[in-house]
Amino acid sequence: MILKYLGFLLTLFWSYSFIKTQSLFKKGSGFLITLFVSNVSWLTFVAACFYGFKQFEFYYVLIGIGFIIVLVQLTFGRISIFINSKFENKENLMKIKTVIEYLIIIAIVCYIFN
């Protein structure tokens, strides 16, 4: 039973992390991320919640969902603070972010056409 609950929490963490990641991108690349990643992550998150309500007590599911949401929010906040402290010049950070966004778009387009 503990392994099932840990799997439930891991699935929630995985899917909510991708949902949260989508909010970091600009509108153009955010659209592609929303279309291909975030929608699947939302479906996975909802399916994991449904599974949790079927397998575990209501109280444990709510605690798990709340814990994972707080954990992901705190993790992304800490990563943001860390990254901002490493880059004195914000223009370099924005250039790196733009390159990463274009690489993700290229990867998605290559995946679609191959």
N, C-alpha and C. Protein backbone atom coordinates (compact mmCIF):
# COMPACT_ATOMS: atom_id res chain seq x y z
N MET A 1 0.81 -1.19 0.00
CA MET A 1 0.00 0.00 0.00
C MET A 1 0.86 1.27 0.00
N ILE A 2 1.99 1.21 0.69
CA ILE A 2 2.89 2.36 0.74
C ILE A 2 3.49 2.62 -0.64
N LEU A 3 3.85 1.56 -1.35
CA LEU A 3 4.41 1.74 -2.68
C LEU A 3 3.38 2.35 -3.64
N LYS A 4 2.12 1.96 -3.51
CA LYS A 4 1.08 2.55 -4.35
C LYS A 4 0.94 4.04 -4.06
N TYR A 5 0.98 4.40 -2.78
CA TYR A 5 0.85 5.81 -2.40
C TYR A 5 2.06 6.61 -2.88
N LEU A 6 3.25 6.04 -2.76
CA LEU A 6 4.45 6.72 -3.26
C LEU A 6 4.40 6.89 -4.78
N GLY A 7 3.89 5.89 -5.47
CA GLY A 7 3.70 6.00 -6.92
C GLY A 7 2.69 7.08 -7.26
N PHE A 8 1.63 7.17 -6.48
CA PHE A 8 0.62 8.22 -6.65
C PHE A 8 1.26 9.59 -6.47
N LEU A 9 2.07 9.76 -5.41
CA LEU A 9 2.73 11.05 -5.17
C LEU A 9 3.74 11.38 -6.26
N LEU A 10 4.48 10.38 -6.71
CA LEU A 10 5.46 10.60 -7.77
C LEU A 10 4.78 11.02 -9.07
N THR A 11 3.65 10.40 -9.38
CA THR A 11 2.90 10.78 -10.59
C THR A 11 2.38 12.20 -10.49
N LEU A 12 1.86 12.56 -9.31
CA LEU A 12 1.41 13.94 -9.11
C LEU A 12 2.56 14.91 -9.27
N PHE A 13 3.71 14.59 -8.68
CA PHE A 13 4.88 15.47 -8.76
C PHE A 13 5.33 15.63 -10.20
N TRP A 14 5.41 14.53 -10.91
CA TRP A 14 5.85 14.55 -12.31
C TRP A 14 4.92 15.41 -13.16
N SER A 15 3.62 15.16 -13.07
CA SER A 15 2.68 15.88 -13.93
C SER A 15 2.56 17.35 -13.54
N TYR A 16 2.54 17.66 -12.24
CA TYR A 16 2.42 19.07 -11.84
C TYR A 16 3.69 19.85 -12.16
N SER A 17 4.85 19.19 -12.15
CA SER A 17 6.09 19.86 -12.53
C SER A 17 6.03 20.30 -13.99
N PHE A 18 5.51 19.46 -14.87
CA PHE A 18 5.37 19.84 -16.27
C PHE A 18 4.33 20.94 -16.44
N ILE A 19 3.27 20.89 -15.67
CA ILE A 19 2.25 21.95 -15.73
C ILE A 19 2.87 23.28 -15.32
N LYS A 20 3.64 23.27 -14.26
CA LYS A 20 4.30 24.49 -13.77
C LYS A 20 5.35 24.97 -14.76
N THR A 21 6.07 24.08 -15.41
CA THR A 21 7.10 24.45 -16.37
C THR A 21 6.52 25.22 -17.54
N GLN A 22 5.32 24.89 -17.94
CA GLN A 22 4.69 25.54 -19.09
C GLN A 22 4.55 27.03 -18.85
N SER A 23 4.36 27.47 -17.62
CA SER A 23 4.16 28.89 -17.34
C SER A 23 5.44 29.71 -17.49
N LEU A 24 6.59 29.07 -17.63
CA LEU A 24 7.85 29.78 -17.75
C LEU A 24 8.14 30.28 -19.15
N PHE A 25 7.44 29.76 -20.15
CA PHE A 25 7.76 30.06 -21.53
C PHE A 25 6.93 31.21 -22.07
N LYS A 26 7.44 31.83 -23.16
CA LYS A 26 6.71 32.91 -23.81
C LYS A 26 5.48 32.35 -24.52
N LYS A 27 4.67 33.25 -25.04
CA LYS A 27 3.41 32.83 -25.66
C LYS A 27 3.61 31.91 -26.86
N GLY A 28 4.56 32.20 -27.73
CA GLY A 28 4.77 31.38 -28.93
C GLY A 28 5.19 29.97 -28.60
N SER A 29 6.25 29.85 -27.83
CA SER A 29 6.70 28.52 -27.45
C SER A 29 5.78 27.93 -26.39
N GLY A 30 5.17 28.80 -25.57
CA GLY A 30 4.23 28.32 -24.57
C GLY A 30 3.03 27.64 -25.20
N PHE A 31 2.64 28.10 -26.39
CA PHE A 31 1.53 27.46 -27.09
C PHE A 31 1.87 26.03 -27.46
N LEU A 32 3.06 25.83 -28.01
CA LEU A 32 3.47 24.46 -28.37
C LEU A 32 3.63 23.59 -27.13
N ILE A 33 4.20 24.15 -26.09
CA ILE A 33 4.35 23.39 -24.84
C ILE A 33 2.97 23.04 -24.29
N THR A 34 2.05 24.00 -24.33
CA THR A 34 0.68 23.74 -23.86
C THR A 34 0.03 22.65 -24.68
N LEU A 35 0.20 22.74 -25.98
CA LEU A 35 -0.44 21.79 -26.87
C LEU A 35 0.07 20.37 -26.68
N PHE A 36 1.37 20.21 -26.53
CA PHE A 36 1.95 18.87 -26.53
C PHE A 36 2.30 18.33 -25.15
N VAL A 37 2.62 19.19 -24.20
CA VAL A 37 3.09 18.70 -22.91
C VAL A 37 2.09 18.98 -21.79
N SER A 38 1.66 20.22 -21.71
CA SER A 38 0.82 20.60 -20.58
C SER A 38 -0.53 19.90 -20.58
N ASN A 39 -1.14 19.75 -21.76
CA ASN A 39 -2.44 19.07 -21.80
C ASN A 39 -2.33 17.63 -21.35
N VAL A 40 -1.27 16.95 -21.77
CA VAL A 40 -1.06 15.57 -21.34
C VAL A 40 -0.78 15.53 -19.84
N SER A 41 -0.04 16.52 -19.36
CA SER A 41 0.26 16.57 -17.92
C SER A 41 -1.00 16.82 -17.10
N TRP A 42 -1.88 17.68 -17.58
CA TRP A 42 -3.14 17.89 -16.87
C TRP A 42 -3.98 16.61 -16.84
N LEU A 43 -4.02 15.91 -17.96
CA LEU A 43 -4.75 14.64 -17.99
C LEU A 43 -4.13 13.63 -17.01
N THR A 44 -2.80 13.59 -16.97
CA THR A 44 -2.12 12.69 -16.04
C THR A 44 -2.40 13.09 -14.60
N PHE A 45 -2.39 14.39 -14.33
CA PHE A 45 -2.65 14.88 -12.97
C PHE A 45 -4.07 14.52 -12.53
N VAL A 46 -5.04 14.74 -13.41
CA VAL A 46 -6.43 14.43 -13.08
C VAL A 46 -6.61 12.91 -12.93
N ALA A 47 -5.98 12.14 -13.80
CA ALA A 47 -6.08 10.68 -13.70
C ALA A 47 -5.44 10.18 -12.40
N ALA A 48 -4.32 10.78 -12.01
CA ALA A 48 -3.68 10.39 -10.75
C ALA A 48 -4.57 10.74 -9.56
N CYS A 49 -5.22 11.89 -9.62
CA CYS A 49 -6.14 12.27 -8.54
C CYS A 49 -7.31 11.28 -8.47
N PHE A 50 -7.86 10.94 -9.64
CA PHE A 50 -8.95 9.98 -9.68
C PHE A 50 -8.51 8.63 -9.11
N TYR A 51 -7.32 8.19 -9.50
CA TYR A 51 -6.77 6.94 -8.98
C TYR A 51 -6.61 7.03 -7.46
N GLY A 52 -6.11 8.16 -6.98
CA GLY A 52 -5.93 8.34 -5.55
C GLY A 52 -7.25 8.26 -4.79
N PHE A 53 -8.29 8.88 -5.33
CA PHE A 53 -9.59 8.84 -4.66
C PHE A 53 -10.18 7.44 -4.66
N LYS A 54 -9.86 6.65 -5.68
CA LYS A 54 -10.36 5.27 -5.73
C LYS A 54 -9.58 4.34 -4.79
N GLN A 55 -8.29 4.58 -4.62
CA GLN A 55 -7.43 3.65 -3.88
C GLN A 55 -7.24 4.01 -2.41
N PHE A 56 -7.25 5.31 -2.09
CA PHE A 56 -6.89 5.74 -0.75
C PHE A 56 -8.02 6.55 -0.13
N GLU A 57 -7.86 6.82 1.14
CA GLU A 57 -8.86 7.62 1.84
C GLU A 57 -8.79 9.06 1.35
N PHE A 58 -9.94 9.72 1.40
CA PHE A 58 -10.08 11.10 0.93
C PHE A 58 -9.05 12.01 1.59
N TYR A 59 -8.87 11.87 2.88
CA TYR A 59 -7.94 12.69 3.65
C TYR A 59 -6.51 12.55 3.14
N TYR A 60 -6.07 11.32 2.89
CA TYR A 60 -4.71 11.08 2.41
C TYR A 60 -4.49 11.64 1.01
N VAL A 61 -5.49 11.57 0.18
CA VAL A 61 -5.38 12.11 -1.18
C VAL A 61 -5.25 13.63 -1.13
N LEU A 62 -6.06 14.29 -0.33
CA LEU A 62 -5.97 15.75 -0.23
C LEU A 62 -4.64 16.19 0.35
N ILE A 63 -4.14 15.47 1.35
CA ILE A 63 -2.82 15.79 1.91
C ILE A 63 -1.74 15.61 0.84
N GLY A 64 -1.82 14.53 0.07
CA GLY A 64 -0.84 14.27 -0.98
C GLY A 64 -0.85 15.34 -2.06
N ILE A 65 -2.03 15.71 -2.51
CA ILE A 65 -2.15 16.73 -3.55
C ILE A 65 -1.62 18.07 -3.03
N GLY A 66 -2.02 18.45 -1.85
CA GLY A 66 -1.54 19.70 -1.25
C GLY A 66 -0.04 19.70 -1.06
N PHE A 67 0.50 18.59 -0.57
CA PHE A 67 1.94 18.48 -0.35
C PHE A 67 2.71 18.63 -1.65
N ILE A 68 2.25 17.97 -2.69
CA ILE A 68 2.95 18.01 -3.98
C ILE A 68 2.89 19.41 -4.59
N ILE A 69 1.74 20.05 -4.53
CA ILE A 69 1.62 21.40 -5.08
C ILE A 69 2.55 22.36 -4.34
N VAL A 70 2.57 22.30 -3.02
CA VAL A 70 3.46 23.16 -2.24
C VAL A 70 4.92 22.83 -2.54
N LEU A 71 5.25 21.55 -2.63
CA LEU A 71 6.63 21.14 -2.92
C LEU A 71 7.11 21.66 -4.27
N VAL A 72 6.28 21.52 -5.30
CA VAL A 72 6.66 21.99 -6.63
C VAL A 72 6.79 23.52 -6.64
N GLN A 73 5.86 24.23 -6.00
CA GLN A 73 5.93 25.69 -5.95
C GLN A 73 7.21 26.15 -5.25
N LEU A 74 7.53 25.53 -4.12
CA LEU A 74 8.75 25.89 -3.39
C LEU A 74 10.00 25.54 -4.19
N THR A 75 9.99 24.40 -4.86
CA THR A 75 11.13 23.99 -5.67
C THR A 75 11.38 24.98 -6.81
N PHE A 76 10.32 25.36 -7.52
CA PHE A 76 10.47 26.30 -8.62
C PHE A 76 10.89 27.68 -8.10
N GLY A 77 10.40 28.07 -6.94
CA GLY A 77 10.81 29.34 -6.34
C GLY A 77 12.29 29.34 -5.99
N ARG A 78 12.77 28.25 -5.40
CA ARG A 78 14.19 28.14 -5.04
C ARG A 78 15.08 28.10 -6.28
N ILE A 79 14.65 27.37 -7.30
CA ILE A 79 15.42 27.32 -8.55
C ILE A 79 15.49 28.71 -9.18
N SER A 80 14.39 29.44 -9.15
CA SER A 80 14.35 30.80 -9.70
C SER A 80 15.32 31.71 -8.96
N ILE A 81 15.32 31.65 -7.65
CA ILE A 81 16.25 32.46 -6.86
C ILE A 81 17.69 32.08 -7.17
N PHE A 82 17.96 30.78 -7.27
CA PHE A 82 19.31 30.30 -7.57
C PHE A 82 19.79 30.79 -8.93
N ILE A 83 18.94 30.65 -9.94
CA ILE A 83 19.33 31.05 -11.30
C ILE A 83 19.53 32.55 -11.37
N ASN A 84 18.65 33.32 -10.76
CA ASN A 84 18.80 34.78 -10.78
C ASN A 84 20.06 35.23 -10.06
N SER A 85 20.49 34.50 -9.04
CA SER A 85 21.71 34.88 -8.33
C SER A 85 22.96 34.55 -9.14
N LYS A 86 22.89 33.60 -10.04
CA LYS A 86 24.04 33.19 -10.85
C LYS A 86 24.27 34.11 -12.04
N PHE A 87 23.26 34.81 -12.49
CA PHE A 87 23.39 35.68 -13.64
C PHE A 87 23.28 37.14 -13.21
N GLU A 88 24.42 37.84 -13.26
CA GLU A 88 24.42 39.26 -12.94
C GLU A 88 23.73 40.05 -14.04
N ASN A 89 24.00 39.66 -15.27
CA ASN A 89 23.43 40.33 -16.43
C ASN A 89 22.19 39.56 -16.87
N LYS A 90 21.03 40.15 -16.73
CA LYS A 90 19.77 39.48 -17.06
C LYS A 90 19.61 39.26 -18.56
N GLU A 91 20.34 40.03 -19.37
CA GLU A 91 20.26 39.82 -20.83
C GLU A 91 20.81 38.45 -21.20
N ASN A 92 21.88 38.02 -20.55
CA ASN A 92 22.43 36.69 -20.82
C ASN A 92 21.44 35.61 -20.45
N LEU A 93 20.75 35.79 -19.35
CA LEU A 93 19.74 34.83 -18.91
C LEU A 93 18.61 34.75 -19.93
N MET A 94 18.18 35.89 -20.44
CA MET A 94 17.10 35.90 -21.43
C MET A 94 17.56 35.27 -22.75
N LYS A 95 18.82 35.46 -23.13
CA LYS A 95 19.34 34.83 -24.34
C LYS A 95 19.36 33.31 -24.19
N ILE A 96 19.80 32.84 -23.04
CA ILE A 96 19.83 31.39 -22.80
C ILE A 96 18.42 30.82 -22.80
N LYS A 97 17.49 31.53 -22.17
CA LYS A 97 16.10 31.09 -22.14
C LYS A 97 15.52 31.02 -23.55
N THR A 98 15.82 32.02 -24.38
CA THR A 98 15.32 32.03 -25.75
C THR A 98 15.89 30.86 -26.55
N VAL A 99 17.18 30.58 -26.39
CA VAL A 99 17.79 29.45 -27.09
C VAL A 99 17.13 28.14 -26.66
N ILE A 100 16.89 27.98 -25.37
CA ILE A 100 16.25 26.76 -24.88
C ILE A 100 14.84 26.63 -25.46
N GLU A 101 14.10 27.74 -25.50
CA GLU A 101 12.76 27.71 -26.07
C GLU A 101 12.78 27.28 -27.54
N TYR A 102 13.71 27.84 -28.31
CA TYR A 102 13.79 27.47 -29.73
C TYR A 102 14.21 26.01 -29.89
N LEU A 103 15.10 25.53 -29.04
CA LEU A 103 15.48 24.12 -29.09
C LEU A 103 14.29 23.21 -28.80
N ILE A 104 13.45 23.60 -27.86
CA ILE A 104 12.25 22.82 -27.55
C ILE A 104 11.29 22.82 -28.74
N ILE A 105 11.12 23.99 -29.37
CA ILE A 105 10.24 24.07 -30.55
C ILE A 105 10.78 23.18 -31.67
N ILE A 106 12.08 23.23 -31.91
CA ILE A 106 12.69 22.40 -32.95
C ILE A 106 12.51 20.92 -32.63
N ALA A 107 12.69 20.55 -31.37
CA ALA A 107 12.52 19.15 -30.97
C ALA A 107 11.08 18.68 -31.20
N ILE A 108 10.11 19.53 -30.88
CA ILE A 108 8.71 19.15 -31.08
C ILE A 108 8.40 19.03 -32.56
N VAL A 109 8.88 19.97 -33.38
CA VAL A 109 8.64 19.92 -34.82
C VAL A 109 9.30 18.69 -35.43
N CYS A 110 10.52 18.39 -35.02
CA CYS A 110 11.20 17.18 -35.51
C CYS A 110 10.45 15.92 -35.11
N TYR A 111 9.93 15.90 -33.90
CA TYR A 111 9.16 14.75 -33.44
C TYR A 111 7.89 14.56 -34.26
N ILE A 112 7.25 15.66 -34.59
CA ILE A 112 6.00 15.58 -35.36
C ILE A 112 6.26 15.07 -36.78
N PHE A 113 7.30 15.56 -37.42
CA PHE A 113 7.54 15.23 -38.82
C PHE A 113 8.37 13.96 -39.03
N ASN A 114 8.86 13.37 -37.97
CA ASN A 114 9.63 12.12 -38.13
C ASN A 114 8.83 10.99 -37.69
